[in-house]
Amino acid sequence: MTRDELLTLADPEILDGLNALADRVTGRGDGVAVYENQDLGHGGLGHRQFVSFGSPAAQLEAPEAPALLPDIGGNINWRYTLVGSYREDKP
């Protein structure tokens, strides 16, 4: 996904924060993964989480974003599935 596509997935109130996250993580060579709550029986259906992936400095220390969001930060995240990821192309 492109950076513009990534930004269209964010609610307006978090857009500045997501831009800052994308700048920070892509500057070190990491990516941003977008996960969405897909549990039809849950009140948070459609809620999105944006997390960094790639290096040991990222939230997810994996070369590619996993299909399901792992439990991180004390949150149980089995409801969240990957809907896209962004990583800057390096020449």
PDB file of N, CA and C in Angstrom:
ATOM      1  N   MET A   1       0.845  -1.168   0.000  1.00  0.00           N
ATOM      2  CA  MET A   1       0.000   0.000   0.000  1.00  0.00           C
ATOM      3  C   MET A   1       0.892   1.231   0.000  1.00  0.00           C
ATOM      4  N   THR A   2       0.377   2.305  -0.573  1.00  0.00           N
ATOM      5  CA  THR A   2       1.118   3.563  -0.609  1.00  0.00           C
ATOM      6  C   THR A   2       0.883   4.342   0.691  1.00  0.00           C
ATOM      7  N   ARG A   3       1.667   5.363   0.882  1.00  0.00           N
ATOM      8  CA  ARG A   3       1.481   6.189   2.078  1.00  0.00           C
ATOM      9  C   ARG A   3       0.121   6.886   2.049  1.00  0.00           C
ATOM     10  N   ASP A   4      -0.307   7.344   0.891  1.00  0.00           N
ATOM     11  CA  ASP A   4      -1.626   7.974   0.791  1.00  0.00           C
ATOM     12  C   ASP A   4      -2.731   6.990   1.161  1.00  0.00           C
ATOM     13  N   GLU A   5      -2.607   5.746   0.720  1.00  0.00           N
ATOM     14  CA  GLU A   5      -3.596   4.720   1.074  1.00  0.00           C
ATOM     15  C   GLU A   5      -3.587   4.467   2.578  1.00  0.00           C
ATOM     16  N   LEU A   6      -2.403   4.431   3.161  1.00  0.00           N
ATOM     17  CA  LEU A   6      -2.288   4.260   4.610  1.00  0.00           C
ATOM     18  C   LEU A   6      -3.042   5.369   5.334  1.00  0.00           C
ATOM     19  N   LEU A   7      -2.837   6.587   4.908  1.00  0.00           N
ATOM     20  CA  LEU A   7      -3.442   7.733   5.589  1.00  0.00           C
ATOM     21  C   LEU A   7      -4.965   7.762   5.440  1.00  0.00           C
ATOM     22  N   THR A   8      -5.487   7.202   4.353  1.00  0.00           N
ATOM     23  CA  THR A   8      -6.943   7.183   4.194  1.00  0.00           C
ATOM     24  C   THR A   8      -7.612   6.239   5.183  1.00  0.00           C
ATOM     25  N   LEU A   9      -6.854   5.328   5.784  1.00  0.00           N
ATOM     26  CA  LEU A   9      -7.414   4.388   6.754  1.00  0.00           C
ATOM     27  C   LEU A   9      -7.517   4.980   8.158  1.00  0.00           C
ATOM     28  N   ALA A  10      -6.948   6.146   8.354  1.00  0.00           N
ATOM     29  CA  ALA A  10      -6.922   6.763   9.685  1.00  0.00           C
ATOM     30  C   ALA A  10      -8.091   7.723   9.868  1.00  0.00           C
ATOM     31  N   ASP A  11      -8.636   7.726  11.076  1.00  0.00           N
ATOM     32  CA  ASP A  11      -9.634   8.728  11.430  1.00  0.00           C
ATOM     33  C   ASP A  11      -8.939  10.087  11.483  1.00  0.00           C
ATOM     34  N   PRO A  12      -9.652  11.161  11.160  1.00  0.00           N
ATOM     35  CA  PRO A  12      -9.028  12.493  11.115  1.00  0.00           C
ATOM     36  C   PRO A  12      -8.310  12.885  12.404  1.00  0.00           C
ATOM     37  N   GLU A  13      -8.826  12.469  13.564  1.00  0.00           N
ATOM     38  CA  GLU A  13      -8.208  12.886  14.825  1.00  0.00           C
ATOM     39  C   GLU A  13      -6.852  12.232  15.085  1.00  0.00           C
ATOM     40  N   ILE A  14      -6.516  11.160  14.359  1.00  0.00           N
ATOM     41  CA  ILE A  14      -5.198  10.543  14.560  1.00  0.00           C
ATOM     42  C   ILE A  14      -4.268  10.726  13.365  1.00  0.00           C
ATOM     43  N   LEU A  15      -4.710  11.468  12.371  1.00  0.00           N
ATOM     44  CA  LEU A  15      -3.938  11.618  11.144  1.00  0.00           C
ATOM     45  C   LEU A  15      -2.554  12.209  11.383  1.00  0.00           C
ATOM     46  N   ASP A  16      -2.453  13.248  12.199  1.00  0.00           N
ATOM     47  CA  ASP A  16      -1.140  13.849  12.487  1.00  0.00           C
ATOM     48  C   ASP A  16      -0.227  12.845  13.189  1.00  0.00           C
ATOM     49  N   GLY A  17      -0.773  12.103  14.140  1.00  0.00           N
ATOM     50  CA  GLY A  17       0.013  11.103  14.846  1.00  0.00           C
ATOM     51  C   GLY A  17       0.468   9.979  13.937  1.00  0.00           C
ATOM     52  N   LEU A  18      -0.403   9.560  13.022  1.00  0.00           N
ATOM     53  CA  LEU A  18      -0.027   8.505  12.083  1.00  0.00           C
ATOM     54  C   LEU A  18       1.052   8.987  11.130  1.00  0.00           C
ATOM     55  N   ASN A  19       0.959  10.226  10.679  1.00  0.00           N
ATOM     56  CA  ASN A  19       2.008  10.794   9.828  1.00  0.00           C
ATOM     57  C   ASN A  19       3.343  10.809  10.557  1.00  0.00           C
ATOM     58  N   ALA A  20       3.333  11.207  11.817  1.00  0.00           N
ATOM     59  CA  ALA A  20       4.568  11.232  12.619  1.00  0.00           C
ATOM     60  C   ALA A  20       5.111   9.818  12.808  1.00  0.00           C
ATOM     61  N   LEU A  21       4.222   8.851  13.085  1.00  0.00           N
ATOM     62  CA  LEU A  21       4.650   7.453  13.224  1.00  0.00           C
ATOM     63  C   LEU A  21       5.287   6.965  11.932  1.00  0.00           C
ATOM     64  N   ALA A  22       4.639   7.222  10.806  1.00  0.00           N
ATOM     65  CA  ALA A  22       5.173   6.780   9.520  1.00  0.00           C
ATOM     66  C   ALA A  22       6.534   7.400   9.242  1.00  0.00           C
ATOM     67  N   ASP A  23       6.685   8.685   9.535  1.00  0.00           N
ATOM     68  CA  ASP A  23       7.985   9.338   9.345  1.00  0.00           C
ATOM     69  C   ASP A  23       9.061   8.687  10.196  1.00  0.00           C
ATOM     70  N   ARG A  24       8.740   8.454  11.461  1.00  0.00           N
ATOM     71  CA  ARG A  24       9.714   7.902  12.400  1.00  0.00           C
ATOM     72  C   ARG A  24      10.132   6.484  12.013  1.00  0.00           C
ATOM     73  N   VAL A  25       9.168   5.622  11.746  1.00  0.00           N
ATOM     74  CA  VAL A  25       9.521   4.217  11.506  1.00  0.00           C
ATOM     75  C   VAL A  25      10.118   3.990  10.127  1.00  0.00           C
ATOM     76  N   THR A  26       9.632   4.712   9.118  1.00  0.00           N
ATOM     77  CA  THR A  26      10.225   4.514   7.798  1.00  0.00           C
ATOM     78  C   THR A  26      11.618   5.147   7.725  1.00  0.00           C
ATOM     79  N   GLY A  27      11.862   6.145   8.539  1.00  0.00           N
ATOM     80  CA  GLY A  27      13.189   6.750   8.596  1.00  0.00           C
ATOM     81  C   GLY A  27      14.252   5.783   9.070  1.00  0.00           C
ATOM     82  N   ARG A  28      13.857   4.807   9.857  1.00  0.00           N
ATOM     83  CA  ARG A  28      14.822   3.796  10.323  1.00  0.00           C
ATOM     84  C   ARG A  28      14.718   2.500   9.517  1.00  0.00           C
ATOM     85  N   GLY A  29      13.877   2.503   8.459  1.00  0.00           N
ATOM     86  CA  GLY A  29      13.770   1.342   7.578  1.00  0.00           C
ATOM     87  C   GLY A  29      12.661   0.371   7.933  1.00  0.00           C
ATOM     88  N   ASP A  30      11.850   0.698   8.929  1.00  0.00           N
ATOM     89  CA  ASP A  30      10.745  -0.173   9.329  1.00  0.00           C
ATOM     90  C   ASP A  30       9.485   0.183   8.548  1.00  0.00           C
ATOM     91  N   GLY A  31       8.421  -0.556   8.819  1.00  0.00           N
ATOM     92  CA  GLY A  31       7.152  -0.317   8.154  1.00  0.00           C
ATOM     93  C   GLY A  31       6.033  -0.088   9.151  1.00  0.00           C
ATOM     94  N   VAL A  32       4.864   0.285   8.628  1.00  0.00           N
ATOM     95  CA  VAL A  32       3.659   0.479   9.427  1.00  0.00           C
ATOM     96  C   VAL A  32       2.627  -0.539   8.949  1.00  0.00           C
ATOM     97  N   ALA A  33       2.086  -1.326   9.879  1.00  0.00           N
ATOM     98  CA  ALA A  33       1.050  -2.305   9.569  1.00  0.00           C
ATOM     99  C   ALA A  33      -0.284  -1.793  10.095  1.00  0.00           C
ATOM    100  N   VAL A  34      -1.346  -2.070   9.340  1.00  0.00           N
ATOM    101  CA  VAL A  34      -2.694  -1.660   9.720  1.00  0.00           C
ATOM    102  C   VAL A  34      -3.497  -2.923  10.002  1.00  0.00           C
ATOM    103  N   TYR A  35      -4.027  -2.991  11.216  1.00  0.00           N
ATOM    104  CA  TYR A  35      -4.857  -4.114  11.631  1.00  0.00           C
ATOM    105  C   TYR A  35      -6.256  -3.615  11.944  1.00  0.00           C
ATOM    106  N   GLU A  36      -7.268  -4.430  11.611  1.00  0.00           N
ATOM    107  CA  GLU A  36      -8.648  -4.039  11.840  1.00  0.00           C
ATOM    108  C   GLU A  36      -9.390  -5.132  12.596  1.00  0.00           C
ATOM    109  N   ASN A  37     -10.203  -4.714  13.555  1.00  0.00           N
ATOM    110  CA  ASN A  37     -11.034  -5.643  14.322  1.00  0.00           C
ATOM    111  C   ASN A  37     -12.068  -6.234  13.370  1.00  0.00           C
ATOM    112  N   GLN A  38     -11.996  -7.553  13.165  1.00  0.00           N
ATOM    113  CA  GLN A  38     -12.880  -8.254  12.236  1.00  0.00           C
ATOM    114  C   GLN A  38     -13.918  -9.117  12.944  1.00  0.00           C
ATOM    115  N   ASP A  39     -14.009  -9.017  14.261  1.00  0.00           N
ATOM    116  CA  ASP A  39     -14.937  -9.842  15.044  1.00  0.00           C
ATOM    117  C   ASP A  39     -16.353  -9.278  14.932  1.00  0.00           C
ATOM    118  N   LEU A  40     -17.205  -9.957  14.173  1.00  0.00           N
ATOM    119  CA  LEU A  40     -18.566  -9.477  13.923  1.00  0.00           C
ATOM    120  C   LEU A  40     -19.402  -9.348  15.187  1.00  0.00           C
ATOM    121  N   GLY A  41     -19.056 -10.078  16.239  1.00  0.00           N
ATOM    122  CA  GLY A  41     -19.818 -10.024  17.480  1.00  0.00           C
ATOM    123  C   GLY A  41     -19.265  -9.050  18.503  1.00  0.00           C
ATOM    124  N   HIS A  42     -18.300  -8.243  18.132  1.00  0.00           N
ATOM    125  CA  HIS A  42     -17.637  -7.338  19.067  1.00  0.00           C
ATOM    126  C   HIS A  42     -18.045  -5.895  18.791  1.00  0.00           C
ATOM    127  N   GLY A  43     -18.232  -5.118  19.839  1.00  0.00           N
ATOM    128  CA  GLY A  43     -18.619  -3.716  19.701  1.00  0.00           C
ATOM    129  C   GLY A  43     -17.573  -2.856  19.016  1.00  0.00           C
ATOM    130  N   GLY A  44     -16.331  -3.312  18.988  1.00  0.00           N
ATOM    131  CA  GLY A  44     -15.258  -2.561  18.355  1.00  0.00           C
ATOM    132  C   GLY A  44     -15.017  -2.962  16.910  1.00  0.00           C
ATOM    133  N   LEU A  45     -15.985  -3.621  16.283  1.00  0.00           N
ATOM    134  CA  LEU A  45     -15.851  -4.035  14.888  1.00  0.00           C
ATOM    135  C   LEU A  45     -15.438  -2.843  14.025  1.00  0.00           C
ATOM    136  N   GLY A  46     -14.390  -3.029  13.228  1.00  0.00           N
ATOM    137  CA  GLY A  46     -13.919  -1.975  12.346  1.00  0.00           C
ATOM    138  C   GLY A  46     -12.838  -1.084  12.930  1.00  0.00           C
ATOM    139  N   HIS A  47     -12.609  -1.181  14.245  1.00  0.00           N
ATOM    140  CA  HIS A  47     -11.547  -0.371  14.871  1.00  0.00           C
ATOM    141  C   HIS A  47     -10.200  -0.779  14.282  1.00  0.00           C
ATOM    142  N   ARG A  48      -9.344   0.203  14.040  1.00  0.00           N
ATOM    143  CA  ARG A  48      -8.029  -0.072  13.459  1.00  0.00           C
ATOM    144  C   ARG A  48      -6.915   0.257  14.436  1.00  0.00           C
ATOM    145  N   GLN A  49      -5.847  -0.527  14.329  1.00  0.00           N
ATOM    146  CA  GLN A  49      -4.621  -0.269  15.081  1.00  0.00           C
ATOM    147  C   GLN A  49      -3.475  -0.177  14.078  1.00  0.00           C
ATOM    148  N   PHE A  50      -2.593   0.776  14.307  1.00  0.00           N
ATOM    149  CA  PHE A  50      -1.435   1.003  13.452  1.00  0.00           C
ATOM    150  C   PHE A  50      -0.195   0.706  14.285  1.00  0.00           C
ATOM    151  N   VAL A  51       0.629  -0.229  13.817  1.00  0.00           N
ATOM    152  CA  VAL A  51       1.821  -0.620  14.576  1.00  0.00           C
ATOM    153  C   VAL A  51       3.032  -0.685  13.649  1.00  0.00           C
ATOM    154  N   SER A  52       4.198  -0.485  14.241  1.00  0.00           N
ATOM    155  CA  SER A  52       5.433  -0.578  13.468  1.00  0.00           C
ATOM    156  C   SER A  52       5.919  -2.018  13.448  1.00  0.00           C
ATOM    157  N   PHE A  53       6.619  -2.365  12.362  1.00  0.00           N
ATOM    158  CA  PHE A  53       7.206  -3.707  12.259  1.00  0.00           C
ATOM    159  C   PHE A  53       8.544  -3.612  11.545  1.00  0.00           C
ATOM    160  N   GLY A  54       9.395  -4.584  11.788  1.00  0.00           N
ATOM    161  CA  GLY A  54      10.668  -4.641  11.081  1.00  0.00           C
ATOM    162  C   GLY A  54      11.852  -4.925  11.985  1.00  0.00           C
ATOM    163  N   SER A  55      12.408  -3.913  12.584  1.00  0.00           N
ATOM    164  CA  SER A  55      13.650  -4.038  13.352  1.00  0.00           C
ATOM    165  C   SER A  55      13.357  -4.267  14.838  1.00  0.00           C
ATOM    166  N   PRO A  56      14.405  -4.491  15.633  1.00  0.00           N
ATOM    167  CA  PRO A  56      14.214  -4.610  17.082  1.00  0.00           C
ATOM    168  C   PRO A  56      13.632  -3.338  17.720  1.00  0.00           C
ATOM    169  N   ALA A  57      13.724  -2.192  17.041  1.00  0.00           N
ATOM    170  CA  ALA A  57      13.160  -0.948  17.568  1.00  0.00           C
ATOM    171  C   ALA A  57      11.655  -0.844  17.327  1.00  0.00           C
ATOM    172  N   ALA A  58      11.091  -1.723  16.509  1.00  0.00           N
ATOM    173  CA  ALA A  58       9.671  -1.675  16.163  1.00  0.00           C
ATOM    174  C   ALA A  58       8.820  -2.386  17.205  1.00  0.00           C
ATOM    175  N   GLN A  59       7.511  -2.121  17.178  1.00  0.00           N
ATOM    176  CA  GLN A  59       6.590  -2.817  18.079  1.00  0.00           C
ATOM    177  C   GLN A  59       6.550  -4.307  17.774  1.00  0.00           C
ATOM    178  N   LEU A  60       6.604  -4.661  16.503  1.00  0.00           N
ATOM    179  CA  LEU A  60       6.645  -6.061  16.076  1.00  0.00           C
ATOM    180  C   LEU A  60       7.993  -6.307  15.422  1.00  0.00           C
ATOM    181  N   GLU A  61       8.813  -7.107  16.059  1.00  0.00           N
ATOM    182  CA  GLU A  61      10.153  -7.380  15.539  1.00  0.00           C
ATOM    183  C   GLU A  61      10.061  -8.542  14.551  1.00  0.00           C
ATOM    184  N   ALA A  62       9.506  -8.260  13.396  1.00  0.00           N
ATOM    185  CA  ALA A  62       9.341  -9.261  12.345  1.00  0.00           C
ATOM    186  C   ALA A  62       9.637  -8.582  11.013  1.00  0.00           C
ATOM    187  N   PRO A  63      10.244  -9.297  10.070  1.00  0.00           N
ATOM    188  CA  PRO A  63      10.575  -8.671   8.789  1.00  0.00           C
ATOM    189  C   PRO A  63       9.339  -8.252   7.991  1.00  0.00           C
ATOM    190  N   GLU A  64       8.233  -8.984   8.157  1.00  0.00           N
ATOM    191  CA  GLU A  64       6.963  -8.651   7.516  1.00  0.00           C
ATOM    192  C   GLU A  64       5.879  -8.653   8.583  1.00  0.00           C
ATOM    193  N   ALA A  65       4.826  -7.902   8.362  1.00  0.00           N
ATOM    194  CA  ALA A  65       3.719  -7.839   9.316  1.00  0.00           C
ATOM    195  C   ALA A  65       2.965  -9.171   9.312  1.00  0.00           C
ATOM    196  N   PRO A  66       2.722  -9.772  10.488  1.00  0.00           N
ATOM    197  CA  PRO A  66       1.976 -11.025  10.534  1.00  0.00           C
ATOM    198  C   PRO A  66       0.501 -10.823  10.200  1.00  0.00           C
ATOM    199  N   ALA A  67      -0.171 -11.887   9.783  1.00  0.00           N
ATOM    200  CA  ALA A  67      -1.581 -11.823   9.380  1.00  0.00           C
ATOM    201  C   ALA A  67      -2.495 -11.444  10.540  1.00  0.00           C
ATOM    202  N   LEU A  68      -2.163 -11.868  11.747  1.00  0.00           N
ATOM    203  CA  LEU A  68      -2.929 -11.519  12.944  1.00  0.00           C
ATOM    204  C   LEU A  68      -2.058 -10.685  13.859  1.00  0.00           C
ATOM    205  N   LEU A  69      -2.633  -9.668  14.471  1.00  0.00           N
ATOM    206  CA  LEU A  69      -1.886  -8.817  15.391  1.00  0.00           C
ATOM    207  C   LEU A  69      -1.576  -9.590  16.665  1.00  0.00           C
ATOM    208  N   PRO A  70      -0.300  -9.760  16.988  1.00  0.00           N
ATOM    209  CA  PRO A  70       0.046 -10.442  18.237  1.00  0.00           C
ATOM    210  C   PRO A  70      -0.384  -9.625  19.452  1.00  0.00           C
ATOM    211  N   ASP A  71      -0.466 -10.286  20.592  1.00  0.00           N
ATOM    212  CA  ASP A  71      -0.765  -9.601  21.847  1.00  0.00           C
ATOM    213  C   ASP A  71       0.445  -8.756  22.222  1.00  0.00           C
ATOM    214  N   ILE A  72       0.262  -7.441  22.239  1.00  0.00           N
ATOM    215  CA  ILE A  72       1.343  -6.523  22.612  1.00  0.00           C
ATOM    216  C   ILE A  72       0.786  -5.462  23.540  1.00  0.00           C
ATOM    217  N   GLY A  73       1.651  -4.892  24.337  1.00  0.00           N
ATOM    218  CA  GLY A  73       1.250  -3.799  25.209  1.00  0.00           C
ATOM    219  C   GLY A  73       0.153  -4.152  26.190  1.00  0.00           C
ATOM    220  N   GLY A  74       0.071  -5.419  26.576  1.00  0.00           N
ATOM    221  CA  GLY A  74      -0.961  -5.853  27.520  1.00  0.00           C
ATOM    222  C   GLY A  74      -2.320  -6.047  26.877  1.00  0.00           C
ATOM    223  N   ASN A  75      -2.422  -5.851  25.560  1.00  0.00           N
ATOM    224  CA  ASN A  75      -3.694  -6.026  24.858  1.00  0.00           C
ATOM    225  C   ASN A  75      -3.778  -7.408  24.235  1.00  0.00           C
ATOM    226  N   ILE A  76      -4.959  -7.998  24.287  1.00  0.00           N
ATOM    227  CA  ILE A  76      -5.218  -9.258  23.610  1.00  0.00           C
ATOM    228  C   ILE A  76      -5.805  -8.893  22.252  1.00  0.00           C
ATOM    229  N   ASN A  77      -5.108  -9.257  21.188  1.00  0.00           N
ATOM    230  CA  ASN A  77      -5.414  -8.717  19.867  1.00  0.00           C
ATOM    231  C   ASN A  77      -5.893  -9.734  18.836  1.00  0.00           C
ATOM    232  N   TRP A  78      -6.392 -10.875  19.251  1.00  0.00           N
ATOM    233  CA  TRP A  78      -6.773 -11.906  18.282  1.00  0.00           C
ATOM    234  C   TRP A  78      -7.851 -11.447  17.307  1.00  0.00           C
ATOM    235  N   ARG A  79      -8.594 -10.423  17.640  1.00  0.00           N
ATOM    236  CA  ARG A  79      -9.664  -9.927  16.764  1.00  0.00           C
ATOM    237  C   ARG A  79      -9.126  -9.152  15.554  1.00  0.00           C
ATOM    238  N   TYR A  80      -7.871  -8.751  15.614  1.00  0.00           N
ATOM    239  CA  TYR A  80      -7.318  -7.835  14.614  1.00  0.00           C
ATOM    240  C   TYR A  80      -6.553  -8.581  13.524  1.00  0.00           C
ATOM    241  N   THR A  81      -6.991  -8.367  12.281  1.00  0.00           N
ATOM    242  CA  THR A  81      -6.321  -8.970  11.140  1.00  0.00           C
ATOM    243  C   THR A  81      -5.679  -7.879  10.286  1.00  0.00           C
ATOM    244  N   LEU A  82      -4.624  -8.261   9.601  1.00  0.00           N
ATOM    245  CA  LEU A  82      -3.873  -7.335   8.759  1.00  0.00           C
ATOM    246  C   LEU A  82      -4.715  -6.916   7.558  1.00  0.00           C
ATOM    247  N   VAL A  83      -4.839  -5.616   7.350  1.00  0.00           N
ATOM    248  CA  VAL A  83      -5.544  -5.106   6.177  1.00  0.00           C
ATOM    249  C   VAL A  83      -4.591  -4.393   5.218  1.00  0.00           C
ATOM    250  N   GLY A  84      -3.366  -4.160   5.640  1.00  0.00           N
ATOM    251  CA  GLY A  84      -2.378  -3.548   4.764  1.00  0.00           C
ATOM    252  C   GLY A  84      -1.136  -3.149   5.523  1.00  0.00           C
ATOM    253  N   SER A  85      -0.078  -2.903   4.759  1.00  0.00           N
ATOM    254  CA  SER A  85       1.160  -2.431   5.379  1.00  0.00           C
ATOM    255  C   SER A  85       1.850  -1.465   4.426  1.00  0.00           C
ATOM    256  N   TYR A  86       2.661  -0.608   5.017  1.00  0.00           N
ATOM    257  CA  TYR A  86       3.385   0.402   4.258  1.00  0.00           C
ATOM    258  C   TYR A  86       4.836   0.404   4.697  1.00  0.00           C
ATOM    259  N   ARG A  87       5.698   0.390   3.717  1.00  0.00           N
ATOM    260  CA  ARG A  87       7.147   0.525   3.955  1.00  0.00           C
ATOM    261  C   ARG A  87       7.693   1.279   2.755  1.00  0.00           C
ATOM    262  N   GLU A  88       8.487   2.303   3.030  1.00  0.00           N
ATOM    263  CA  GLU A  88       9.048   3.082   1.916  1.00  0.00           C
ATOM    264  C   GLU A  88       9.977   2.229   1.082  1.00  0.00           C
ATOM    265  N   ASP A  89       9.889   2.409  -0.211  1.00  0.00           N
ATOM    266  CA  ASP A  89      10.826   1.753  -1.100  1.00  0.00           C
ATOM    267  C   ASP A  89      12.139   2.505  -1.067  1.00  0.00           C
ATOM    268  N   LYS A  90      13.196   1.761  -0.866  1.00  0.00           N
ATOM    269  CA  LYS A  90      14.532   2.366  -0.856  1.00  0.00           C
ATOM    270  C   LYS A  90      15.195   2.114  -2.199  1.00  0.00           C
ATOM    271  N   PRO A  91      15.779   3.148  -2.790  1.00  0.00           N
ATOM    272  CA  PRO A  91      16.443   2.970  -4.111  1.00  0.00           C
ATOM    273  C   PRO A  91      17.636   2.052  -4.025  1.00  0.00           C
TER     274      PRO A  91
END
